[in-house]
Amino acid sequence: MKVRILESGSGLLDGAPFPAVGEEVELPSGLAVSLINDKRAEVVAEKAAETRETAAAAAPEKRGPGRPRKTA
């Protein structure tokens, strides 16, 4: 998953020195989600088409009206 770093860090990130603020890096999904949840990174869309695909996939399926009620 490609992310943009929002906060500086120290040490290693996935075996390499922590990237600078504003740098875009490719990270394993679990690590990227962890940084995003901690507000230390944000997702970067590689193409406009990717953004549209993600938006279409995120929309929940609409369900039908269901079964009619039983009459007493």
N, C-alpha and C. Protein backbone atom coordinates (compact mmCIF):
# COMPACT_ATOMS: atom_id res chain seq x y z
N MET A 1 0.86 -1.16 0.00
CA MET A 1 0.00 0.00 0.00
C MET A 1 0.91 1.23 0.00
N LYS A 2 0.59 2.20 -0.84
CA LYS A 2 1.40 3.40 -0.93
C LYS A 2 0.84 4.47 0.01
N VAL A 3 1.71 5.01 0.87
CA VAL A 3 1.29 6.01 1.85
C VAL A 3 2.24 7.20 1.83
N ARG A 4 1.74 8.35 2.31
CA ARG A 4 2.55 9.56 2.48
C ARG A 4 2.75 9.75 3.97
N ILE A 5 3.98 9.93 4.39
CA ILE A 5 4.32 10.09 5.80
C ILE A 5 3.93 11.50 6.26
N LEU A 6 3.21 11.59 7.39
CA LEU A 6 2.76 12.87 7.92
C LEU A 6 3.55 13.31 9.16
N GLU A 7 4.17 12.37 9.87
CA GLU A 7 4.92 12.66 11.10
C GLU A 7 6.29 12.03 11.02
N SER A 8 7.27 12.72 11.56
CA SER A 8 8.62 12.15 11.57
C SER A 8 8.69 11.04 12.62
N GLY A 9 9.60 10.12 12.39
CA GLY A 9 9.79 9.02 13.33
C GLY A 9 11.25 8.71 13.44
N SER A 10 11.58 7.85 14.37
CA SER A 10 12.98 7.48 14.54
C SER A 10 13.09 5.97 14.39
N GLY A 11 14.29 5.51 14.17
CA GLY A 11 14.52 4.08 14.06
C GLY A 11 14.26 3.56 12.66
N LEU A 12 13.89 2.29 12.59
CA LEU A 12 13.68 1.63 11.30
C LEU A 12 12.21 1.40 11.05
N LEU A 13 11.84 1.46 9.79
CA LEU A 13 10.48 1.17 9.36
C LEU A 13 10.59 0.13 8.27
N ASP A 14 10.18 -1.09 8.58
CA ASP A 14 10.27 -2.21 7.65
C ASP A 14 11.71 -2.46 7.21
N GLY A 15 12.65 -2.32 8.15
CA GLY A 15 14.05 -2.61 7.89
C GLY A 15 14.86 -1.50 7.25
N ALA A 16 14.25 -0.34 7.00
CA ALA A 16 14.95 0.80 6.40
C ALA A 16 14.78 2.01 7.31
N PRO A 17 15.66 3.01 7.20
CA PRO A 17 15.48 4.22 8.02
C PRO A 17 14.10 4.84 7.79
N PHE A 18 13.51 5.38 8.85
CA PHE A 18 12.17 5.97 8.76
C PHE A 18 12.17 7.08 7.70
N PRO A 19 11.19 7.08 6.77
CA PRO A 19 11.14 8.10 5.72
C PRO A 19 10.89 9.51 6.27
N ALA A 20 11.26 10.50 5.50
CA ALA A 20 11.05 11.90 5.88
C ALA A 20 9.58 12.28 5.73
N VAL A 21 9.18 13.34 6.41
CA VAL A 21 7.81 13.85 6.31
C VAL A 21 7.54 14.25 4.87
N GLY A 22 6.38 13.84 4.33
CA GLY A 22 5.99 14.16 2.96
C GLY A 22 6.44 13.13 1.95
N GLU A 23 7.30 12.22 2.34
CA GLU A 23 7.79 11.20 1.42
C GLU A 23 6.72 10.12 1.20
N GLU A 24 6.59 9.65 -0.04
CA GLU A 24 5.64 8.59 -0.37
C GLU A 24 6.41 7.28 -0.47
N VAL A 25 5.93 6.26 0.27
CA VAL A 25 6.61 4.97 0.31
C VAL A 25 5.60 3.84 0.16
N GLU A 26 6.06 2.71 -0.35
CA GLU A 26 5.25 1.50 -0.47
C GLU A 26 5.53 0.65 0.76
N LEU A 27 4.48 0.30 1.51
CA LEU A 27 4.62 -0.49 2.74
C LEU A 27 3.68 -1.68 2.71
N PRO A 28 4.00 -2.72 3.49
CA PRO A 28 3.05 -3.84 3.63
C PRO A 28 1.73 -3.33 4.22
N SER A 29 0.64 -3.94 3.85
CA SER A 29 -0.70 -3.47 4.25
C SER A 29 -0.85 -3.30 5.75
N GLY A 30 -0.43 -4.28 6.53
CA GLY A 30 -0.58 -4.21 7.99
C GLY A 30 0.13 -3.03 8.60
N LEU A 31 1.36 -2.79 8.16
CA LEU A 31 2.14 -1.66 8.66
C LEU A 31 1.52 -0.33 8.22
N ALA A 32 1.08 -0.27 6.96
CA ALA A 32 0.47 0.96 6.44
C ALA A 32 -0.81 1.29 7.21
N VAL A 33 -1.65 0.30 7.45
CA VAL A 33 -2.91 0.53 8.18
C VAL A 33 -2.61 1.00 9.60
N SER A 34 -1.59 0.43 10.23
CA SER A 34 -1.21 0.84 11.58
C SER A 34 -0.80 2.32 11.60
N LEU A 35 0.03 2.74 10.64
CA LEU A 35 0.45 4.14 10.58
C LEU A 35 -0.73 5.07 10.27
N ILE A 36 -1.63 4.63 9.41
CA ILE A 36 -2.80 5.44 9.06
C ILE A 36 -3.70 5.61 10.28
N ASN A 37 -3.94 4.51 11.01
CA ASN A 37 -4.78 4.59 12.22
C ASN A 37 -4.19 5.49 13.29
N ASP A 38 -2.85 5.55 13.35
CA ASP A 38 -2.17 6.41 14.31
C ASP A 38 -2.01 7.84 13.80
N LYS A 39 -2.57 8.14 12.63
CA LYS A 39 -2.51 9.47 11.99
C LYS A 39 -1.06 9.88 11.70
N ARG A 40 -0.21 8.89 11.41
CA ARG A 40 1.18 9.18 11.07
C ARG A 40 1.42 9.10 9.57
N ALA A 41 0.39 8.63 8.81
CA ALA A 41 0.50 8.52 7.36
C ALA A 41 -0.90 8.61 6.75
N GLU A 42 -0.95 8.87 5.44
CA GLU A 42 -2.23 8.89 4.72
C GLU A 42 -2.07 8.11 3.42
N VAL A 43 -3.16 7.55 2.93
CA VAL A 43 -3.13 6.75 1.71
C VAL A 43 -2.90 7.66 0.51
N VAL A 44 -2.12 7.17 -0.45
CA VAL A 44 -1.87 7.90 -1.68
C VAL A 44 -2.47 7.10 -2.82
N ALA A 45 -3.39 7.70 -3.58
CA ALA A 45 -3.95 7.04 -4.76
C ALA A 45 -2.97 7.21 -5.91
N GLU A 46 -2.63 6.10 -6.56
CA GLU A 46 -1.65 6.17 -7.63
C GLU A 46 -2.22 6.77 -8.90
N LYS A 47 -3.49 6.51 -9.18
CA LYS A 47 -4.12 7.02 -10.41
C LYS A 47 -5.55 7.43 -10.09
N ALA A 48 -6.12 8.25 -10.95
CA ALA A 48 -7.51 8.65 -10.76
C ALA A 48 -8.43 7.44 -10.89
N ALA A 49 -8.09 6.51 -11.78
CA ALA A 49 -8.90 5.31 -11.97
C ALA A 49 -8.92 4.46 -10.70
N GLU A 50 -7.81 4.40 -9.99
CA GLU A 50 -7.74 3.63 -8.76
C GLU A 50 -8.70 4.21 -7.72
N THR A 51 -8.78 5.54 -7.65
CA THR A 51 -9.67 6.19 -6.70
C THR A 51 -11.12 5.84 -7.01
N ARG A 52 -11.48 5.85 -8.30
CA ARG A 52 -12.85 5.50 -8.68
C ARG A 52 -13.17 4.06 -8.35
N GLU A 53 -12.22 3.14 -8.61
CA GLU A 53 -12.44 1.73 -8.31
C GLU A 53 -12.65 1.54 -6.81
N THR A 54 -11.86 2.21 -6.01
CA THR A 54 -11.96 2.09 -4.56
C THR A 54 -13.32 2.62 -4.09
N ALA A 55 -13.76 3.73 -4.64
CA ALA A 55 -15.05 4.30 -4.24
C ALA A 55 -16.19 3.37 -4.63
N ALA A 56 -16.10 2.76 -5.81
CA ALA A 56 -17.14 1.84 -6.25
C ALA A 56 -17.16 0.59 -5.38
N ALA A 57 -16.00 0.11 -4.99
CA ALA A 57 -15.92 -1.10 -4.16
C ALA A 57 -16.39 -0.83 -2.74
N ALA A 58 -16.24 0.39 -2.26
CA ALA A 58 -16.61 0.72 -0.89
C ALA A 58 -18.11 0.89 -0.70
N ALA A 59 -18.85 1.12 -1.80
CA ALA A 59 -20.30 1.31 -1.70
C ALA A 59 -20.96 -0.02 -1.34
N PRO A 60 -21.80 -0.04 -0.31
CA PRO A 60 -22.45 -1.29 0.08
C PRO A 60 -23.52 -1.70 -0.93
N GLU A 61 -23.75 -3.00 -1.00
CA GLU A 61 -24.79 -3.48 -1.90
C GLU A 61 -26.15 -3.12 -1.32
N LYS A 62 -27.06 -2.73 -2.20
CA LYS A 62 -28.42 -2.43 -1.74
C LYS A 62 -29.22 -3.72 -1.74
N ARG A 63 -29.97 -3.89 -0.69
CA ARG A 63 -30.77 -5.09 -0.57
C ARG A 63 -32.20 -4.81 -0.96
N GLY A 64 -32.90 -5.86 -1.34
CA GLY A 64 -34.30 -5.73 -1.73
C GLY A 64 -35.20 -5.49 -0.53
N PRO A 65 -36.51 -5.38 -0.76
CA PRO A 65 -37.43 -5.07 0.32
C PRO A 65 -37.63 -6.20 1.33
N GLY A 66 -37.22 -7.43 1.00
CA GLY A 66 -37.35 -8.53 1.96
C GLY A 66 -38.66 -9.27 1.79
N ARG A 67 -38.93 -10.15 2.74
CA ARG A 67 -40.14 -10.96 2.66
C ARG A 67 -41.34 -10.20 3.21
N PRO A 68 -42.51 -10.52 2.70
CA PRO A 68 -43.71 -9.85 3.26
C PRO A 68 -43.98 -10.34 4.68
N ARG A 69 -44.64 -9.51 5.47
CA ARG A 69 -44.97 -9.87 6.85
C ARG A 69 -46.04 -10.96 6.88
N LYS A 70 -46.00 -11.72 7.95
CA LYS A 70 -47.01 -12.76 8.15
C LYS A 70 -48.30 -12.10 8.63
N THR A 71 -49.41 -12.63 8.19
CA THR A 71 -50.69 -12.12 8.70
C THR A 71 -51.17 -13.03 9.81
N ALA A 72 -51.73 -12.46 10.83
CA ALA A 72 -52.14 -13.24 12.01
C ALA A 72 -53.37 -13.99 11.81
